[in-house]
Protein backbone atom coordinates (compact mmCIF):
# COMPACT_ATOMS: atom_id res chain seq x y z
CA UNK A 1 0.00 0.00 0.00
CA UNK A 2 1.41 3.35 -1.03
CA UNK A 3 1.05 6.35 1.28
CA UNK A 4 1.69 9.98 0.37
CA UNK A 5 5.09 11.15 1.63
CA UNK A 6 3.76 13.62 4.26
CA UNK A 7 1.60 10.90 5.79
CA UNK A 8 4.34 8.27 5.54
CA UNK A 9 6.78 10.51 7.40
CA UNK A 10 4.30 11.05 10.23
CA UNK A 11 3.36 7.40 10.84
CA UNK A 12 5.74 6.97 13.84
CA UNK A 13 4.30 10.12 15.41
CA UNK A 14 0.78 8.82 14.89
CA UNK A 15 1.69 5.58 16.71
CA UNK A 16 3.22 7.56 19.59
CA UNK A 17 0.16 9.78 19.96
CA UNK A 18 -2.12 6.75 19.77
CA UNK A 19 -0.10 5.11 22.53
CA UNK A 20 -0.34 8.19 24.72
CA UNK A 21 -4.09 8.30 24.18
CA UNK A 22 -4.44 4.64 25.17
CA UNK A 23 -2.40 5.26 28.33
CA UNK A 24 -4.43 8.34 29.20
CA UNK A 25 -7.64 6.37 28.66
CA UNK A 26 -6.40 3.53 30.88
CA UNK A 27 -5.51 5.95 33.66
CA UNK A 28 -8.84 7.73 33.25
CA UNK A 29 -10.75 4.46 33.70
CA UNK A 30 -8.84 3.62 36.85
CA UNK A 31 -6.20 0.99 37.33
CA UNK A 32 -8.50 -1.50 39.07
CA UNK A 33 -10.56 -2.37 35.96
CA UNK A 34 -9.43 -5.03 33.45
CA UNK A 35 -10.10 -2.79 30.39
CA UNK A 36 -7.74 -0.18 31.82
CA UNK A 37 -4.95 -2.75 32.06
CA UNK A 38 -5.58 -3.67 28.42
CA UNK A 39 -5.52 -0.01 27.41
CA UNK A 40 -2.20 0.50 29.22
CA UNK A 41 -0.69 -2.54 27.51
CA UNK A 42 -1.93 -1.35 24.11
CA UNK A 43 -0.52 2.11 24.84
CA UNK A 44 2.90 0.71 25.66
CA UNK A 45 2.80 -1.48 22.54
CA UNK A 46 1.94 1.52 20.34
CA UNK A 47 4.72 3.64 21.83
CA UNK A 48 7.32 0.89 21.42
CA UNK A 49 6.13 0.25 17.86
CA UNK A 50 6.38 3.96 16.99
CA UNK A 51 9.92 4.15 18.37
CA UNK A 52 10.80 0.96 16.51
CA UNK A 53 9.64 2.40 13.19
CA UNK A 54 11.63 5.58 13.85
CA UNK A 55 14.74 3.59 14.74
CA UNK A 56 14.52 1.37 11.65
CA UNK A 57 14.03 4.35 9.35
CA UNK A 58 16.92 6.20 10.96
CA UNK A 59 19.29 3.24 10.55
CA UNK A 60 18.21 2.72 6.95
CA UNK A 61 18.74 6.38 6.06
CA UNK A 62 22.13 6.55 7.80
CA UNK A 63 23.31 3.42 6.00
CA UNK A 64 22.26 4.64 2.58
CA UNK A 65 23.57 8.19 3.00
CA UNK A 66 26.95 6.77 4.13
CA UNK A 67 27.08 4.66 0.96
CA UNK A 68 26.33 7.70 -1.16
CA UNK A 69 22.92 6.37 -2.16
CA UNK A 70 19.73 8.31 -1.85
CA UNK A 71 17.34 6.59 0.60
CA UNK A 72 14.44 7.28 -1.78
CA UNK A 73 16.14 6.10 -4.97
CA UNK A 74 14.69 3.01 -6.56
CA UNK A 75 16.91 0.47 -8.26
C-alpha atoms as a PDB file:
ATOM      1  CA  UNK A   1       0.000   0.000   0.000  1.00  0.00           C
ATOM      2  CA  UNK A   2       1.410   3.348  -1.028  1.00  0.00           C
ATOM      3  CA  UNK A   3       1.051   6.350   1.281  1.00  0.00           C
ATOM      4  CA  UNK A   4       1.694   9.978   0.368  1.00  0.00           C
ATOM      5  CA  UNK A   5       5.087  11.151   1.632  1.00  0.00           C
ATOM      6  CA  UNK A   6       3.765  13.616   4.264  1.00  0.00           C
ATOM      7  CA  UNK A   7       1.596  10.897   5.790  1.00  0.00           C
ATOM      8  CA  UNK A   8       4.341   8.268   5.541  1.00  0.00           C
ATOM      9  CA  UNK A   9       6.784  10.511   7.399  1.00  0.00           C
ATOM     10  CA  UNK A  10       4.296  11.046  10.233  1.00  0.00           C
ATOM     11  CA  UNK A  11       3.360   7.397  10.838  1.00  0.00           C
ATOM     12  CA  UNK A  12       5.741   6.968  13.838  1.00  0.00           C
ATOM     13  CA  UNK A  13       4.304  10.120  15.412  1.00  0.00           C
ATOM     14  CA  UNK A  14       0.778   8.819  14.890  1.00  0.00           C
ATOM     15  CA  UNK A  15       1.688   5.582  16.708  1.00  0.00           C
ATOM     16  CA  UNK A  16       3.222   7.564  19.587  1.00  0.00           C
ATOM     17  CA  UNK A  17       0.165   9.782  19.959  1.00  0.00           C
ATOM     18  CA  UNK A  18      -2.120   6.754  19.769  1.00  0.00           C
ATOM     19  CA  UNK A  19      -0.097   5.110  22.533  1.00  0.00           C
ATOM     20  CA  UNK A  20      -0.336   8.192  24.722  1.00  0.00           C
ATOM     21  CA  UNK A  21      -4.090   8.304  24.175  1.00  0.00           C
ATOM     22  CA  UNK A  22      -4.436   4.637  25.174  1.00  0.00           C
ATOM     23  CA  UNK A  23      -2.399   5.260  28.326  1.00  0.00           C
ATOM     24  CA  UNK A  24      -4.434   8.341  29.204  1.00  0.00           C
ATOM     25  CA  UNK A  25      -7.641   6.367  28.661  1.00  0.00           C
ATOM     26  CA  UNK A  26      -6.396   3.533  30.881  1.00  0.00           C
ATOM     27  CA  UNK A  27      -5.510   5.952  33.661  1.00  0.00           C
ATOM     28  CA  UNK A  28      -8.841   7.730  33.254  1.00  0.00           C
ATOM     29  CA  UNK A  29     -10.747   4.456  33.703  1.00  0.00           C
ATOM     30  CA  UNK A  30      -8.838   3.615  36.855  1.00  0.00           C
ATOM     31  CA  UNK A  31      -6.203   0.985  37.334  1.00  0.00           C
ATOM     32  CA  UNK A  32      -8.504  -1.503  39.067  1.00  0.00           C
ATOM     33  CA  UNK A  33     -10.558  -2.374  35.963  1.00  0.00           C
ATOM     34  CA  UNK A  34      -9.434  -5.030  33.448  1.00  0.00           C
ATOM     35  CA  UNK A  35     -10.101  -2.787  30.395  1.00  0.00           C
ATOM     36  CA  UNK A  36      -7.743  -0.184  31.818  1.00  0.00           C
ATOM     37  CA  UNK A  37      -4.946  -2.746  32.060  1.00  0.00           C
ATOM     38  CA  UNK A  38      -5.582  -3.671  28.420  1.00  0.00           C
ATOM     39  CA  UNK A  39      -5.522  -0.014  27.411  1.00  0.00           C
ATOM     40  CA  UNK A  40      -2.203   0.495  29.221  1.00  0.00           C
ATOM     41  CA  UNK A  41      -0.692  -2.541  27.510  1.00  0.00           C
ATOM     42  CA  UNK A  42      -1.931  -1.352  24.106  1.00  0.00           C
ATOM     43  CA  UNK A  43      -0.523   2.105  24.836  1.00  0.00           C
ATOM     44  CA  UNK A  44       2.896   0.708  25.663  1.00  0.00           C
ATOM     45  CA  UNK A  45       2.798  -1.478  22.542  1.00  0.00           C
ATOM     46  CA  UNK A  46       1.937   1.521  20.335  1.00  0.00           C
ATOM     47  CA  UNK A  47       4.720   3.636  21.829  1.00  0.00           C
ATOM     48  CA  UNK A  48       7.322   0.888  21.419  1.00  0.00           C
ATOM     49  CA  UNK A  49       6.132   0.249  17.856  1.00  0.00           C
ATOM     50  CA  UNK A  50       6.383   3.960  16.992  1.00  0.00           C
ATOM     51  CA  UNK A  51       9.915   4.153  18.373  1.00  0.00           C
ATOM     52  CA  UNK A  52      10.804   0.963  16.508  1.00  0.00           C
ATOM     53  CA  UNK A  53       9.644   2.396  13.190  1.00  0.00           C
ATOM     54  CA  UNK A  54      11.630   5.580  13.847  1.00  0.00           C
ATOM     55  CA  UNK A  55      14.741   3.595  14.735  1.00  0.00           C
ATOM     56  CA  UNK A  56      14.523   1.369  11.651  1.00  0.00           C
ATOM     57  CA  UNK A  57      14.029   4.349   9.346  1.00  0.00           C
ATOM     58  CA  UNK A  58      16.922   6.204  10.962  1.00  0.00           C
ATOM     59  CA  UNK A  59      19.289   3.243  10.552  1.00  0.00           C
ATOM     60  CA  UNK A  60      18.211   2.721   6.946  1.00  0.00           C
ATOM     61  CA  UNK A  61      18.743   6.377   6.065  1.00  0.00           C
ATOM     62  CA  UNK A  62      22.135   6.549   7.801  1.00  0.00           C
ATOM     63  CA  UNK A  63      23.312   3.420   5.998  1.00  0.00           C
ATOM     64  CA  UNK A  64      22.256   4.643   2.577  1.00  0.00           C
ATOM     65  CA  UNK A  65      23.574   8.185   2.997  1.00  0.00           C
ATOM     66  CA  UNK A  66      26.949   6.771   4.133  1.00  0.00           C
ATOM     67  CA  UNK A  67      27.075   4.657   0.961  1.00  0.00           C
ATOM     68  CA  UNK A  68      26.326   7.696  -1.158  1.00  0.00           C
ATOM     69  CA  UNK A  69      22.917   6.373  -2.163  1.00  0.00           C
ATOM     70  CA  UNK A  70      19.733   8.314  -1.855  1.00  0.00           C
ATOM     71  CA  UNK A  71      17.338   6.590   0.595  1.00  0.00           C
ATOM     72  CA  UNK A  72      14.438   7.276  -1.778  1.00  0.00           C
ATOM     73  CA  UNK A  73      16.141   6.100  -4.969  1.00  0.00           C
ATOM     74  CA  UNK A  74      14.691   3.008  -6.555  1.00  0.00           C
ATOM     75  CA  UNK A  75      16.906   0.467  -8.263  1.00  0.00           C
END
